[in-house]
Amino acid sequence: MSGAISTAAYLARRAAQKERVQILYRRALKDTLNWAVHRHLFYKDADDLRLRFEANKHVTDLDAIDRMIDEAEATYNKWRHPDPYIVPWAPGGSKFCRNPTPPEGFCQLLCSLQIEIAYDFGKEDND
């Protein structure tokens, strides 16, 4: 039974490491796009980043993998872009929540107005 527990613990730790590596790779790749001004520069940097991750793909020691992930996260945090690009309509972008909320009581005022809709607009009798 202890072999099953150690196997389960091993598989859980490997799954957690795999997830950390995937998250780190995605964040680093997106941050590489912040540093590269042109796409042809980004493609070269993205290939270099992929090669750095692929170089350590063969490592199987769990403690060594944890150390490498910690070092890679520290390197990423050290070289993160100070002013990353944010899509204008995303949270933190220049157009996000641009329109202010209406003043207090404005909605009640609109509801109290009697607005008539003319469904026959343009079909008036011109006799």
C-alpha atoms as a PDB file:
ATOM      1  CA  MET A   1       0.000   0.000   0.000  1.00  0.00           C
ATOM      2  CA  SER A   2       2.885   2.376   0.721  1.00  0.00           C
ATOM      3  CA  GLY A   3       4.098   1.912  -2.840  1.00  0.00           C
ATOM      4  CA  ALA A   4       0.739   3.119  -4.123  1.00  0.00           C
ATOM      5  CA  ILE A   5       0.888   6.177  -1.881  1.00  0.00           C
ATOM      6  CA  SER A   6       4.396   7.058  -2.955  1.00  0.00           C
ATOM      7  CA  THR A   7       3.411   6.551  -6.597  1.00  0.00           C
ATOM      8  CA  ALA A   8       0.369   8.772  -6.130  1.00  0.00           C
ATOM      9  CA  ALA A   9       2.476  11.405  -4.370  1.00  0.00           C
ATOM     10  CA  TYR A  10       5.082  11.201  -7.132  1.00  0.00           C
ATOM     11  CA  LEU A  11       2.457  11.633  -9.844  1.00  0.00           C
ATOM     12  CA  ALA A  12       0.816  14.536  -7.999  1.00  0.00           C
ATOM     13  CA  ARG A  13       4.161  16.310  -7.593  1.00  0.00           C
ATOM     14  CA  ARG A  14       5.022  15.757 -11.262  1.00  0.00           C
ATOM     15  CA  ALA A  15       1.619  17.134 -12.296  1.00  0.00           C
ATOM     16  CA  ALA A  16       2.171  20.231 -10.130  1.00  0.00           C
ATOM     17  CA  GLN A  17       5.628  20.719 -11.644  1.00  0.00           C
ATOM     18  CA  LYS A  18       4.256  20.326 -15.150  1.00  0.00           C
ATOM     19  CA  GLU A  19       1.615  22.956 -14.463  1.00  0.00           C
ATOM     20  CA  ARG A  20       4.194  25.378 -13.010  1.00  0.00           C
ATOM     21  CA  VAL A  21       6.412  24.923 -16.071  1.00  0.00           C
ATOM     22  CA  GLN A  22       3.506  25.498 -18.463  1.00  0.00           C
ATOM     23  CA  ILE A  23       2.443  28.652 -16.636  1.00  0.00           C
ATOM     24  CA  LEU A  24       6.023  29.922 -16.546  1.00  0.00           C
ATOM     25  CA  TYR A  25       6.498  29.240 -20.264  1.00  0.00           C
ATOM     26  CA  ARG A  26       3.275  31.036 -21.213  1.00  0.00           C
ATOM     27  CA  ARG A  27       4.097  34.056 -19.045  1.00  0.00           C
ATOM     28  CA  ALA A  28       7.657  34.225 -20.399  1.00  0.00           C
ATOM     29  CA  LEU A  29       6.429  33.921 -23.980  1.00  0.00           C
ATOM     30  CA  LYS A  30       3.899  36.728 -23.504  1.00  0.00           C
ATOM     31  CA  ASP A  31       6.546  38.862 -21.852  1.00  0.00           C
ATOM     32  CA  THR A  32       8.920  38.187 -24.748  1.00  0.00           C
ATOM     33  CA  LEU A  33       6.308  39.767 -26.991  1.00  0.00           C
ATOM     34  CA  ASN A  34       6.478  42.892 -24.801  1.00  0.00           C
ATOM     35  CA  TRP A  35      10.235  43.176 -25.316  1.00  0.00           C
ATOM     36  CA  ALA A  36      10.239  42.517 -29.065  1.00  0.00           C
ATOM     37  CA  VAL A  37       9.120  45.451 -31.167  1.00  0.00           C
ATOM     38  CA  HIS A  38       8.792  43.543 -34.427  1.00  0.00           C
ATOM     39  CA  ARG A  39       7.474  40.060 -35.091  1.00  0.00           C
ATOM     40  CA  HIS A  40      10.681  38.832 -36.733  1.00  0.00           C
ATOM     41  CA  LEU A  41      12.530  39.664 -33.497  1.00  0.00           C
ATOM     42  CA  PHE A  42       9.844  37.970 -31.429  1.00  0.00           C
ATOM     43  CA  TYR A  43      10.056  34.743 -33.442  1.00  0.00           C
ATOM     44  CA  LYS A  44      13.796  34.472 -32.814  1.00  0.00           C
ATOM     45  CA  ASP A  45      13.395  35.186 -29.090  1.00  0.00           C
ATOM     46  CA  ALA A  46      10.492  32.741 -28.842  1.00  0.00           C
ATOM     47  CA  ASP A  47      12.606  30.016 -30.468  1.00  0.00           C
ATOM     48  CA  ASP A  48      15.443  30.710 -28.024  1.00  0.00           C
ATOM     49  CA  LEU A  49      13.028  30.527 -25.104  1.00  0.00           C
ATOM     50  CA  ARG A  50      11.615  27.236 -26.365  1.00  0.00           C
ATOM     51  CA  LEU A  51      15.122  25.791 -26.699  1.00  0.00           C
ATOM     52  CA  ARG A  52      15.916  26.792 -23.099  1.00  0.00           C
ATOM     53  CA  PHE A  53      12.850  24.896 -21.895  1.00  0.00           C
ATOM     54  CA  GLU A  54      13.479  21.909 -24.166  1.00  0.00           C
ATOM     55  CA  ALA A  55      17.108  21.597 -22.971  1.00  0.00           C
ATOM     56  CA  ASN A  56      15.916  20.501 -19.519  1.00  0.00           C
ATOM     57  CA  LYS A  57      13.132  18.218 -20.673  1.00  0.00           C
ATOM     58  CA  HIS A  58      15.105  15.059 -19.873  1.00  0.00           C
ATOM     59  CA  VAL A  59      15.589  15.829 -16.132  1.00  0.00           C
ATOM     60  CA  THR A  60      13.699  13.360 -13.904  1.00  0.00           C
ATOM     61  CA  ASP A  61      14.925  14.197 -10.386  1.00  0.00           C
ATOM     62  CA  LEU A  62      12.035  15.923  -8.582  1.00  0.00           C
ATOM     63  CA  ASP A  63      14.212  18.096  -6.368  1.00  0.00           C
ATOM     64  CA  ALA A  64      16.357  19.200  -9.314  1.00  0.00           C
ATOM     65  CA  ILE A  65      13.225  20.089 -11.257  1.00  0.00           C
ATOM     66  CA  ASP A  66      11.901  22.156  -8.342  1.00  0.00           C
ATOM     67  CA  ARG A  67      15.234  24.009  -8.104  1.00  0.00           C
ATOM     68  CA  MET A  68      15.258  24.674 -11.838  1.00  0.00           C
ATOM     69  CA  ILE A  69      11.675  25.971 -11.760  1.00  0.00           C
ATOM     70  CA  ASP A  70      12.491  28.263  -8.826  1.00  0.00           C
ATOM     71  CA  GLU A  71      15.572  29.599 -10.624  1.00  0.00           C
ATOM     72  CA  ALA A  72      13.593  30.126 -13.836  1.00  0.00           C
ATOM     73  CA  GLU A  73      10.826  31.983 -11.976  1.00  0.00           C
ATOM     74  CA  ALA A  74      13.426  34.184 -10.282  1.00  0.00           C
ATOM     75  CA  THR A  75      15.041  34.928 -13.645  1.00  0.00           C
ATOM     76  CA  TYR A  76      11.648  35.698 -15.156  1.00  0.00           C
ATOM     77  CA  ASN A  77      10.761  38.066 -12.317  1.00  0.00           C
ATOM     78  CA  LYS A  78      14.143  39.769 -12.659  1.00  0.00           C
ATOM     79  CA  TRP A  79      13.760  40.361 -16.408  1.00  0.00           C
ATOM     80  CA  ARG A  80      10.030  41.090 -16.565  1.00  0.00           C
ATOM     81  CA  HIS A  81       9.061  44.057 -18.698  1.00  0.00           C
ATOM     82  CA  PRO A  82       8.494  47.149 -16.524  1.00  0.00           C
ATOM     83  CA  ASP A  83       5.686  48.478 -18.738  1.00  0.00           C
ATOM     84  CA  PRO A  84       3.953  45.526 -20.428  1.00  0.00           C
ATOM     85  CA  TYR A  85       1.518  46.019 -23.277  1.00  0.00           C
ATOM     86  CA  ILE A  86      -2.101  45.791 -22.157  1.00  0.00           C
ATOM     87  CA  VAL A  87      -4.889  45.484 -24.703  1.00  0.00           C
ATOM     88  CA  PRO A  88      -6.880  48.758 -24.450  1.00  0.00           C
ATOM     89  CA  TRP A  89     -10.241  47.142 -23.656  1.00  0.00           C
ATOM     90  CA  ALA A  90      -8.808  44.654 -21.122  1.00  0.00           C
ATOM     91  CA  PRO A  91      -8.673  45.407 -17.375  1.00  0.00           C
ATOM     92  CA  GLY A  92      -5.887  47.926 -16.888  1.00  0.00           C
ATOM     93  CA  GLY A  93      -6.119  49.140 -20.484  1.00  0.00           C
ATOM     94  CA  SER A  94      -6.773  52.707 -21.537  1.00  0.00           C
ATOM     95  CA  LYS A  95     -10.349  52.029 -22.719  1.00  0.00           C
ATOM     96  CA  PHE A  96     -11.447  49.726 -19.896  1.00  0.00           C
ATOM     97  CA  CYS A  97     -14.454  51.177 -18.021  1.00  0.00           C
ATOM     98  CA  ARG A  98     -13.958  54.445 -19.852  1.00  0.00           C
ATOM     99  CA  ASN A  99     -17.549  55.653 -19.572  1.00  0.00           C
ATOM    100  CA  PRO A 100     -18.395  56.859 -16.070  1.00  0.00           C
ATOM    101  CA  THR A 101     -21.400  55.536 -14.204  1.00  0.00           C
ATOM    102  CA  PRO A 102     -24.533  57.698 -14.460  1.00  0.00           C
ATOM    103  CA  PRO A 103     -25.283  60.016 -11.533  1.00  0.00           C
ATOM    104  CA  GLU A 104     -27.424  58.864  -8.628  1.00  0.00           C
ATOM    105  CA  GLY A 105     -31.136  58.894  -9.474  1.00  0.00           C
ATOM    106  CA  PHE A 106     -30.592  59.195 -13.235  1.00  0.00           C
ATOM    107  CA  CYS A 107     -32.106  55.788 -13.955  1.00  0.00           C
ATOM    108  CA  GLN A 108     -35.266  56.673 -11.980  1.00  0.00           C
ATOM    109  CA  LEU A 109     -35.535  59.913 -13.958  1.00  0.00           C
ATOM    110  CA  LEU A 110     -35.387  58.055 -17.271  1.00  0.00           C
ATOM    111  CA  CYS A 111     -37.997  55.552 -16.114  1.00  0.00           C
ATOM    112  CA  SER A 112     -40.377  58.309 -15.034  1.00  0.00           C
ATOM    113  CA  LEU A 113     -40.289  60.101 -18.412  1.00  0.00           C
ATOM    114  CA  GLN A 114     -43.134  59.316 -20.777  1.00  0.00           C
ATOM    115  CA  ILE A 115     -41.493  58.429 -24.070  1.00  0.00           C
ATOM    116  CA  GLU A 116     -43.726  57.645 -27.010  1.00  0.00           C
ATOM    117  CA  ILE A 117     -42.462  55.478 -29.830  1.00  0.00           C
ATOM    118  CA  ALA A 118     -43.840  56.195 -33.298  1.00  0.00           C
ATOM    119  CA  TYR A 119     -43.991  52.913 -35.163  1.00  0.00           C
ATOM    120  CA  ASP A 120     -45.374  54.514 -38.293  1.00  0.00           C
ATOM    121  CA  PHE A 121     -42.533  56.946 -38.768  1.00  0.00           C
ATOM    122  CA  GLY A 122     -42.251  57.921 -42.426  1.00  0.00           C
ATOM    123  CA  LYS A 123     -45.683  56.546 -43.278  1.00  0.00           C
ATOM    124  CA  GLU A 124     -47.670  59.665 -42.410  1.00  0.00           C
ATOM    125  CA  ASP A 125     -50.748  60.541 -44.405  1.00  0.00           C
ATOM    126  CA  ASN A 126     -49.903  63.453 -46.643  1.00  0.00           C
ATOM    127  CA  ASP A 127     -53.430  64.072 -47.855  1.00  0.00           C
END
